[in-house]
C-alpha atoms as a PDB file:
ATOM      1  CA  MET A   1      -9.808 -39.303  -1.141  1.00  0.00           C
ATOM      2  CA  ILE A   2     -11.389 -40.790   1.929  1.00  0.00           C
ATOM      3  CA  SER A   3     -10.115 -41.493   5.412  1.00  0.00           C
ATOM      4  CA  ARG A   4      -8.560 -44.805   6.365  1.00  0.00           C
ATOM      5  CA  ALA A   5     -11.470 -45.491   8.717  1.00  0.00           C
ATOM      6  CA  ALA A   6     -13.988 -44.881   5.924  1.00  0.00           C
ATOM      7  CA  ALA A   7     -12.014 -47.145   3.574  1.00  0.00           C
ATOM      8  CA  ILE A   8     -11.993 -49.942   6.155  1.00  0.00           C
ATOM      9  CA  ARG A   9     -15.729 -49.477   6.788  1.00  0.00           C
ATOM     10  CA  ILE A  10     -16.520 -49.617   3.053  1.00  0.00           C
ATOM     11  CA  SER A  11     -14.297 -52.678   2.579  1.00  0.00           C
ATOM     12  CA  SER A  12     -15.957 -54.460   5.506  1.00  0.00           C
ATOM     13  CA  GLU A  13     -19.500 -53.585   4.443  1.00  0.00           C
ATOM     14  CA  HIS A  14     -18.865 -54.769   0.890  1.00  0.00           C
ATOM     15  CA  PHE A  15     -16.707 -57.825   1.647  1.00  0.00           C
ATOM     16  CA  PRO A  16     -15.377 -59.526  -0.457  1.00  0.00           C
ATOM     17  CA  LYS A  17     -15.812 -56.770  -3.068  1.00  0.00           C
ATOM     18  CA  GLY A  18     -14.256 -54.017  -0.896  1.00  0.00           C
ATOM     19  CA  PRO A  19     -11.498 -52.918  -3.321  1.00  0.00           C
ATOM     20  CA  GLU A  20     -13.963 -52.688  -6.177  1.00  0.00           C
ATOM     21  CA  GLU A  21     -16.336 -50.541  -4.098  1.00  0.00           C
ATOM     22  CA  LEU A  22     -13.466 -48.288  -2.976  1.00  0.00           C
ATOM     23  CA  ALA A  23     -12.384 -47.760  -6.574  1.00  0.00           C
ATOM     24  CA  LYS A  24     -15.955 -46.884  -7.528  1.00  0.00           C
ATOM     25  CA  ARG A  25     -16.332 -44.402  -4.656  1.00  0.00           C
ATOM     26  CA  LEU A  26     -12.962 -42.796  -5.445  1.00  0.00           C
ATOM     27  CA  GLY A  27     -13.881 -42.389  -9.117  1.00  0.00           C
ATOM     28  CA  ILE A  28     -11.148 -44.751 -10.303  1.00  0.00           C
ATOM     29  CA  GLU A  29     -11.926 -46.470 -13.571  1.00  0.00           C
ATOM     30  CA  VAL A  30     -11.166 -50.214 -13.453  1.00  0.00           C
ATOM     31  CA  PHE A  31     -10.939 -52.461 -16.501  1.00  0.00           C
ATOM     32  CA  VAL A  32     -10.624 -56.239 -16.283  1.00  0.00           C
ATOM     33  CA  SER A  33      -9.238 -57.943 -19.390  1.00  0.00           C
ATOM     34  CA  PRO A  34      -6.587 -60.492 -20.376  1.00  0.00           C
ATOM     35  CA  LEU A  35      -3.010 -59.205 -19.934  1.00  0.00           C
ATOM     36  CA  ALA A  36       0.265 -60.924 -20.814  1.00  0.00           C
ATOM     37  CA  GLY A  37       3.011 -61.133 -18.203  1.00  0.00           C
ATOM     38  CA  VAL A  38       1.503 -58.831 -15.553  1.00  0.00           C
ATOM     39  CA  ASP A  39      -1.282 -58.960 -12.982  1.00  0.00           C
ATOM     40  CA  GLY A  40      -2.252 -55.367 -13.670  1.00  0.00           C
ATOM     41  CA  TRP A  41      -1.160 -51.761 -14.011  1.00  0.00           C
ATOM     42  CA  CYS A  42      -2.225 -48.315 -12.897  1.00  0.00           C
ATOM     43  CA  VAL A  43      -2.019 -44.894 -14.529  1.00  0.00           C
ATOM     44  CA  ARG A  44      -2.402 -42.131 -11.933  1.00  0.00           C
ATOM     45  CA  GLY A  45      -3.353 -38.581 -12.656  1.00  0.00           C
ATOM     46  CA  PRO A  46      -6.427 -36.405 -12.893  1.00  0.00           C
ATOM     47  CA  HIS A  47      -8.261 -39.494 -14.185  1.00  0.00           C
ATOM     48  CA  THR A  48      -6.807 -42.660 -12.618  1.00  0.00           C
ATOM     49  CA  VAL A  49      -7.219 -45.909 -14.544  1.00  0.00           C
ATOM     50  CA  ILE A  50      -6.436 -49.421 -13.311  1.00  0.00           C
ATOM     51  CA  ARG A  51      -6.317 -52.471 -15.569  1.00  0.00           C
ATOM     52  CA  VAL A  52      -6.486 -55.908 -13.924  1.00  0.00           C
ATOM     53  CA  ASN A  53      -5.655 -59.241 -15.577  1.00  0.00           C
ATOM     54  CA  SER A  54      -8.850 -61.260 -16.053  1.00  0.00           C
ATOM     55  CA  ASN A  55      -6.745 -64.452 -16.204  1.00  0.00           C
ATOM     56  CA  SER A  56      -5.756 -63.980 -12.531  1.00  0.00           C
ATOM     57  CA  SER A  57      -7.806 -65.506  -9.713  1.00  0.00           C
ATOM     58  CA  PRO A  58     -10.502 -63.255  -8.205  1.00  0.00           C
ATOM     59  CA  SER A  59      -8.491 -62.838  -4.976  1.00  0.00           C
ATOM     60  CA  ARG A  60      -5.363 -61.883  -6.971  1.00  0.00           C
ATOM     61  CA  GLN A  61      -7.415 -59.381  -8.986  1.00  0.00           C
ATOM     62  CA  ARG A  62      -8.598 -57.685  -5.767  1.00  0.00           C
ATOM     63  CA  PHE A  63      -5.048 -57.578  -4.396  1.00  0.00           C
ATOM     64  CA  THR A  64      -3.727 -56.127  -7.668  1.00  0.00           C
ATOM     65  CA  LEU A  65      -6.458 -53.500  -7.671  1.00  0.00           C
ATOM     66  CA  PHE A  66      -4.836 -51.573  -4.807  1.00  0.00           C
ATOM     67  CA  GLU A  67      -1.310 -52.924  -4.494  1.00  0.00           C
ATOM     68  CA  ASN A  68       0.364 -50.128  -6.494  1.00  0.00           C
ATOM     69  CA  ASP A  69      -1.604 -47.394  -4.765  1.00  0.00           C
ATOM     70  CA  PHE A  70      -0.888 -48.858  -1.318  1.00  0.00           C
ATOM     71  CA  SER A  71       2.874 -48.193  -1.400  1.00  0.00           C
ATOM     72  CA  PHE A  72       2.260 -44.592  -2.451  1.00  0.00           C
ATOM     73  CA  ARG A  73      -0.300 -44.093   0.342  1.00  0.00           C
ATOM     74  CA  GLN A  74       2.094 -45.642   2.878  1.00  0.00           C
ATOM     75  CA  SER A  75       4.838 -43.253   1.791  1.00  0.00           C
ATOM     76  CA  VAL A  76       2.511 -40.249   2.052  1.00  0.00           C
ATOM     77  CA  ALA A  77       1.336 -41.413   5.496  1.00  0.00           C
ATOM     78  CA  ALA A  78       4.964 -41.567   6.665  1.00  0.00           C
ATOM     79  CA  SER A  79       5.519 -38.036   5.340  1.00  0.00           C
ATOM     80  CA  PHE A  80       2.438 -36.836   7.213  1.00  0.00           C
ATOM     81  CA  GLY A  81       3.943 -38.354  10.375  1.00  0.00           C
ATOM     82  CA  THR A  82       7.038 -36.199   9.851  1.00  0.00           C
ATOM     83  CA  VAL A  83       4.838 -33.151   9.254  1.00  0.00           C
ATOM     84  CA  LYS A  84       3.122 -33.888  12.577  1.00  0.00           C
ATOM     85  CA  LYS A  85       6.469 -33.753  14.398  1.00  0.00           C
ATOM     86  CA  LYS A  86       7.885 -30.739  12.568  1.00  0.00           C
ATOM     87  CA  CYS A  87       4.691 -28.670  12.798  1.00  0.00           C
ATOM     88  CA  ASN A  88       3.860 -29.451  16.429  1.00  0.00           C
ATOM     89  CA  GLY A  89       1.997 -26.499  17.936  1.00  0.00           C
ATOM     90  CA  GLN A  90       1.027 -25.005  14.567  1.00  0.00           C
ATOM     91  CA  ASN A  91      -2.403 -24.906  12.944  1.00  0.00           C
ATOM     92  CA  LEU A  92      -3.827 -27.108  10.168  1.00  0.00           C
ATOM     93  CA  GLY A  93      -3.212 -24.534   7.441  1.00  0.00           C
ATOM     94  CA  ASP A  94       0.459 -24.253   8.378  1.00  0.00           C
ATOM     95  CA  ALA A  95       0.859 -28.044   8.433  1.00  0.00           C
ATOM     96  CA  ILE A  96      -0.713 -28.401   4.980  1.00  0.00           C
ATOM     97  CA  LYS A  97       1.455 -25.582   3.629  1.00  0.00           C
ATOM     98  CA  PHE A  98       4.571 -27.230   5.111  1.00  0.00           C
ATOM     99  CA  PHE A  99       3.676 -30.567   3.490  1.00  0.00           C
ATOM    100  CA  TYR A 100       3.133 -29.078   0.034  1.00  0.00           C
ATOM    101  CA  GLU A 101       6.225 -26.855   0.206  1.00  0.00           C
ATOM    102  CA  ASN A 102       8.563 -29.574   1.483  1.00  0.00           C
ATOM    103  CA  TYR A 103       7.284 -32.792  -0.093  1.00  0.00           C
ATOM    104  CA  VAL A 104       5.155 -32.194  -3.182  1.00  0.00           C
ATOM    105  CA  GLY A 105       7.462 -31.475  -6.105  1.00  0.00           C
ATOM    106  CA  THR A 106      10.541 -32.754  -4.270  1.00  0.00           C
ATOM    107  CA  LYS A 107       9.856 -36.177  -2.738  1.00  0.00           C
ATOM    108  CA  TYR A 108       6.671 -36.643  -4.766  1.00  0.00           C
ATOM    109  CA  THR A 109       7.100 -35.712  -8.413  1.00  0.00           C
ATOM    110  CA  GLY A 110       5.365 -36.461 -11.698  1.00  0.00           C
ATOM    111  CA  SER A 111       2.039 -38.280 -11.429  1.00  0.00           C
ATOM    112  CA  GLU A 112       2.369 -38.558  -7.639  1.00  0.00           C
ATOM    113  CA  ALA A 113       2.726 -34.773  -7.300  1.00  0.00           C
ATOM    114  CA  GLU A 114      -0.202 -34.300  -9.698  1.00  0.00           C
ATOM    115  CA  ALA A 115      -2.328 -36.651  -7.590  1.00  0.00           C
ATOM    116  CA  LEU A 116      -1.472 -34.750  -4.398  1.00  0.00           C
ATOM    117  CA  ARG A 117      -2.131 -31.379  -6.050  1.00  0.00           C
ATOM    118  CA  SER A 118      -5.518 -32.482  -7.400  1.00  0.00           C
ATOM    119  CA  PRO A 119      -8.679 -31.514  -5.498  1.00  0.00           C
ATOM    120  CA  ALA A 120      -8.961 -35.107  -4.239  1.00  0.00           C
ATOM    121  CA  GLY A 121      -5.297 -35.098  -3.154  1.00  0.00           C
ATOM    122  CA  ARG A 122      -5.709 -31.807  -1.301  1.00  0.00           C
ATOM    123  CA  LYS A 123      -8.825 -33.155   0.395  1.00  0.00           C
ATOM    124  CA  TYR A 124      -6.933 -36.309   1.383  1.00  0.00           C
ATOM    125  CA  ALA A 125      -4.081 -34.252   2.899  1.00  0.00           C
ATOM    126  CA  ARG A 126      -6.523 -32.050   4.812  1.00  0.00           C
ATOM    127  CA  LEU A 127      -8.519 -35.007   6.175  1.00  0.00           C
ATOM    128  CA  TYR A 128      -5.387 -36.883   7.183  1.00  0.00           C
ATOM    129  CA  LEU A 129      -3.759 -33.923   8.931  1.00  0.00           C
ATOM    130  CA  GLU A 130      -7.008 -32.849  10.659  1.00  0.00           C
ATOM    131  CA  ARG A 131      -6.425 -35.711  13.097  1.00  0.00           C
ATOM    132  CA  TRP A 132      -3.531 -33.779  14.614  1.00  0.00           C
ATOM    133  CA  PHE A 133      -4.108 -30.125  13.752  1.00  0.00           C
ATOM    134  CA  LYS A 134      -7.032 -27.751  14.186  1.00  0.00           C
END
């Protein structure tokens, strides 16, 4: 994963194709094709795939591209905020350990836990928590 600042920079530099460029840089496979009854769907895991409805407007396609992932990232960010409070005064390694012991497998299960346990998920956790811990 990449930092929020890097994601914003990439989105700005590649406007209006920011979501597409982010997906490419994150190694997420995106397919655009006609779908019935939905704007898109996402399968998360070691190899994330997003399918977007080609019948939707271009702006709706871009929104759909990251709408499912956004709620998950917001939830993880809130959990990191709790880790910050509970691990105040500890080092980065302890904060990461606390997060994985107390959230991954309990609050985040299934494909979400797999995503957080993946090398990219571990990198994301480390980069996020590095803001507060050394």
